[in-house]
Amino acid sequence: MTGGQVLLALLALAAFAAALRRGPGMARKVAGDAGQSLLRMLPMFAVALPMAAFLAELIPAEAATGWIGPDSGLRGIAVASVAGGFMPGGPFVTFPLVLAFAKAGAGVPQMAALITGWSIFAIHRIVTWEYPVLGWRFVALRLLAALPLPVLAGLLAEAALTVLPIPLGRP
């Protein structure tokens, strides 16, 4: 287990202990809800994780390193920022794709920009939720206000790497 997994396990145990303090009925309900969520998520993991492995083999390393590799600099950060907005789906699709890019040779700052671009500019979410609920005026204002954030995240990640070098795709 990685440190992050241990931390999540400890937090889950602490939350379960808090539920148990409220009574055995609450603890059973929490455990049942958690089990149901796990059963819903397992099929997604069963598809998403092999997809990441297949994509990692299919994405040409030259393309990944050329466009969003560690030496692509600000251009790679900008490309990753825009590409992130066009990545389809939720985290079960996106993070395996990001892992595939990482294994193909993408840079850490570029992946920070990609994930931030996906988080802020996900076109599928804008079209299906944000515009219908909040309207184009709000969408345009939010996008304009958030425009520099993915690039800024990539630049900050690049600066942080000088202090804390980390390999990408490794927990």
Protein backbone atom coordinates (compact mmCIF):
# COMPACT_ATOMS: atom_id res chain seq x y z
CA MET A 1 0.00 0.00 0.00
CA THR A 2 1.11 3.52 -0.74
CA GLY A 3 1.09 6.28 1.84
CA GLY A 4 -2.03 7.79 0.26
CA GLN A 5 -3.85 4.46 0.41
CA VAL A 6 -2.91 4.02 4.06
CA LEU A 7 -4.16 7.52 4.83
CA LEU A 8 -7.48 6.87 3.06
CA ALA A 9 -7.87 3.54 4.91
CA LEU A 10 -7.25 5.26 8.25
CA LEU A 11 -9.75 8.01 7.41
CA ALA A 12 -12.33 5.40 6.40
CA LEU A 13 -11.79 3.53 9.68
CA ALA A 14 -12.13 6.76 11.66
CA ALA A 15 -15.37 7.60 9.83
CA PHE A 16 -16.68 4.08 10.48
CA ALA A 17 -15.75 4.41 14.17
CA ALA A 18 -17.69 7.69 14.32
CA ALA A 19 -20.70 5.97 12.73
CA LEU A 20 -20.36 3.08 15.18
CA ARG A 21 -20.45 5.54 18.08
CA ARG A 22 -23.87 6.66 16.84
CA GLY A 23 -25.07 3.10 17.09
CA PRO A 24 -24.87 -0.28 15.38
CA GLY A 25 -27.77 0.59 13.05
CA MET A 26 -25.88 3.59 11.72
CA ALA A 27 -22.73 1.51 11.27
CA ARG A 28 -24.67 -1.15 9.32
CA LYS A 29 -26.22 1.55 7.11
CA VAL A 30 -22.83 3.14 6.42
CA ALA A 31 -21.24 -0.23 5.65
CA GLY A 32 -24.14 -1.14 3.35
CA ASP A 33 -23.93 2.19 1.50
CA ALA A 34 -20.17 1.81 1.12
CA GLY A 35 -20.59 -1.73 -0.22
CA GLN A 36 -23.21 -0.58 -2.74
CA SER A 37 -20.94 2.23 -3.92
CA LEU A 38 -18.05 -0.20 -4.28
CA LEU A 39 -20.20 -2.57 -6.34
CA ARG A 40 -21.21 0.31 -8.63
CA MET A 41 -17.61 1.48 -9.06
CA LEU A 42 -15.87 -1.86 -9.58
CA PRO A 43 -17.15 -2.34 -13.15
CA MET A 44 -15.86 1.13 -14.05
CA PHE A 45 -12.45 0.30 -12.62
CA ALA A 46 -12.48 -3.03 -14.43
CA VAL A 47 -12.83 -1.14 -17.73
CA ALA A 48 -10.85 2.03 -16.99
CA LEU A 49 -7.63 0.48 -15.71
CA PRO A 50 -7.06 -1.90 -18.64
CA MET A 51 -7.97 0.98 -20.95
CA ALA A 52 -5.14 3.03 -19.44
CA ALA A 53 -2.70 0.15 -19.94
CA PHE A 54 -3.78 -0.29 -23.58
CA LEU A 55 -3.62 3.44 -24.27
CA ALA A 56 -0.17 3.68 -22.70
CA GLU A 57 1.02 1.18 -25.28
CA LEU A 58 -0.87 2.80 -28.18
CA ILE A 59 0.14 6.43 -27.59
CA PRO A 60 3.42 6.96 -29.42
CA ALA A 61 6.02 8.15 -26.92
CA GLU A 62 7.38 10.59 -29.53
CA ALA A 63 3.98 12.28 -29.80
CA ALA A 64 3.54 12.56 -26.05
CA THR A 65 7.06 13.85 -25.41
CA GLY A 66 6.94 16.16 -28.43
CA TRP A 67 3.66 17.85 -27.56
CA ILE A 68 3.49 17.60 -23.76
CA GLY A 69 6.84 16.17 -22.73
CA PRO A 70 9.02 17.53 -19.93
CA ASP A 71 11.00 19.64 -22.41
CA SER A 72 7.95 21.12 -24.19
CA GLY A 73 7.91 24.04 -21.75
CA LEU A 74 5.24 26.72 -21.88
CA ARG A 75 3.99 25.49 -25.29
CA GLY A 76 3.39 22.02 -23.83
CA ILE A 77 1.66 23.50 -20.80
CA ALA A 78 -0.63 25.53 -23.08
CA VAL A 79 -1.38 22.50 -25.31
CA ALA A 80 -2.15 20.37 -22.24
CA SER A 81 -4.37 23.11 -20.79
CA VAL A 82 -6.52 23.19 -23.94
CA ALA A 83 -6.48 19.40 -24.40
CA GLY A 84 -7.72 18.94 -20.83
CA GLY A 85 -10.91 20.83 -21.65
CA PHE A 86 -11.67 18.41 -24.47
CA MET A 87 -11.04 15.21 -22.51
CA PRO A 88 -14.34 13.36 -22.26
CA GLY A 89 -16.03 12.01 -19.17
CA GLY A 90 -15.43 11.87 -15.48
CA PRO A 91 -12.47 10.72 -13.42
CA PHE A 92 -12.89 7.05 -14.39
CA VAL A 93 -12.11 7.99 -17.97
CA THR A 94 -9.83 10.98 -17.48
CA PHE A 95 -7.33 9.67 -14.95
CA PRO A 96 -6.56 6.48 -16.89
CA LEU A 97 -5.97 8.72 -19.95
CA VAL A 98 -3.68 10.97 -17.91
CA LEU A 99 -1.82 7.88 -16.67
CA ALA A 100 -1.43 6.73 -20.28
CA PHE A 101 0.06 10.12 -21.23
CA ALA A 102 2.38 9.96 -18.22
CA LYS A 103 3.62 6.50 -19.17
CA ALA A 104 4.14 7.69 -22.74
CA GLY A 105 6.50 10.44 -21.52
CA ALA A 106 4.44 13.52 -20.64
CA GLY A 107 5.92 16.03 -18.22
CA VAL A 108 4.72 16.71 -14.69
CA PRO A 109 3.92 20.43 -15.29
CA GLN A 110 2.07 19.51 -18.47
CA MET A 111 0.00 16.88 -16.66
CA ALA A 112 -0.81 19.40 -13.91
CA ALA A 113 -2.08 21.75 -16.65
CA LEU A 114 -4.00 18.92 -18.36
CA ILE A 115 -5.83 17.89 -15.19
CA THR A 116 -6.53 21.51 -14.27
CA GLY A 117 -7.82 22.19 -17.79
CA TRP A 118 -10.08 19.16 -17.52
CA SER A 119 -11.32 20.27 -14.10
CA ILE A 120 -12.12 23.80 -15.21
CA PHE A 121 -12.94 23.62 -18.93
CA ALA A 122 -14.56 20.18 -19.43
CA ILE A 123 -16.57 20.88 -22.57
CA HIS A 124 -18.87 17.92 -22.02
CA ARG A 125 -19.87 19.28 -18.61
CA ILE A 126 -20.32 22.82 -19.92
CA VAL A 127 -22.61 21.68 -22.72
CA THR A 128 -24.66 19.18 -20.71
CA TRP A 129 -24.93 20.93 -17.35
CA GLU A 130 -23.52 24.39 -17.02
CA TYR A 131 -25.04 26.12 -20.06
CA PRO A 132 -28.53 24.58 -19.69
CA VAL A 133 -28.69 25.40 -15.99
CA LEU A 134 -26.80 28.71 -15.77
CA GLY A 135 -26.83 30.13 -19.32
CA TRP A 136 -24.16 31.23 -21.77
CA ARG A 137 -23.52 34.59 -20.07
CA PHE A 138 -22.45 32.89 -16.86
CA VAL A 139 -20.46 30.23 -18.74
CA ALA A 140 -18.58 32.89 -20.72
CA LEU A 141 -17.82 34.91 -17.58
CA ARG A 142 -16.58 31.86 -15.68
CA LEU A 143 -14.43 30.64 -18.58
CA LEU A 144 -12.91 34.08 -19.05
CA ALA A 145 -12.15 34.40 -15.33
CA ALA A 146 -10.61 30.91 -15.18
CA LEU A 147 -8.68 31.10 -18.46
CA PRO A 148 -5.18 31.48 -16.98
CA LEU A 149 -5.60 28.87 -14.23
CA PRO A 150 -4.44 25.68 -16.05
CA VAL A 151 -1.35 27.45 -17.42
CA LEU A 152 -0.67 28.90 -13.99
CA ALA A 153 -1.00 25.41 -12.45
CA GLY A 154 1.50 24.05 -14.96
CA LEU A 155 3.97 26.87 -14.30
CA LEU A 156 3.62 26.46 -10.53
CA ALA A 157 4.15 22.70 -10.88
CA GLU A 158 7.28 23.40 -12.93
CA ALA A 159 8.57 25.75 -10.23
CA ALA A 160 7.73 23.23 -7.51
CA LEU A 161 9.70 20.53 -9.33
CA THR A 162 12.90 22.47 -8.71
CA VAL A 163 12.29 22.04 -4.98
CA LEU A 164 10.55 18.67 -4.96
CA PRO A 165 11.40 16.53 -7.99
CA ILE A 166 8.88 13.70 -8.41
CA PRO A 167 8.55 11.06 -11.08
CA LEU A 168 5.22 11.09 -12.90
CA GLY A 169 2.98 8.04 -12.61
CA ARG A 170 4.55 6.84 -9.38
CA PRO A 171 2.75 7.05 -6.02
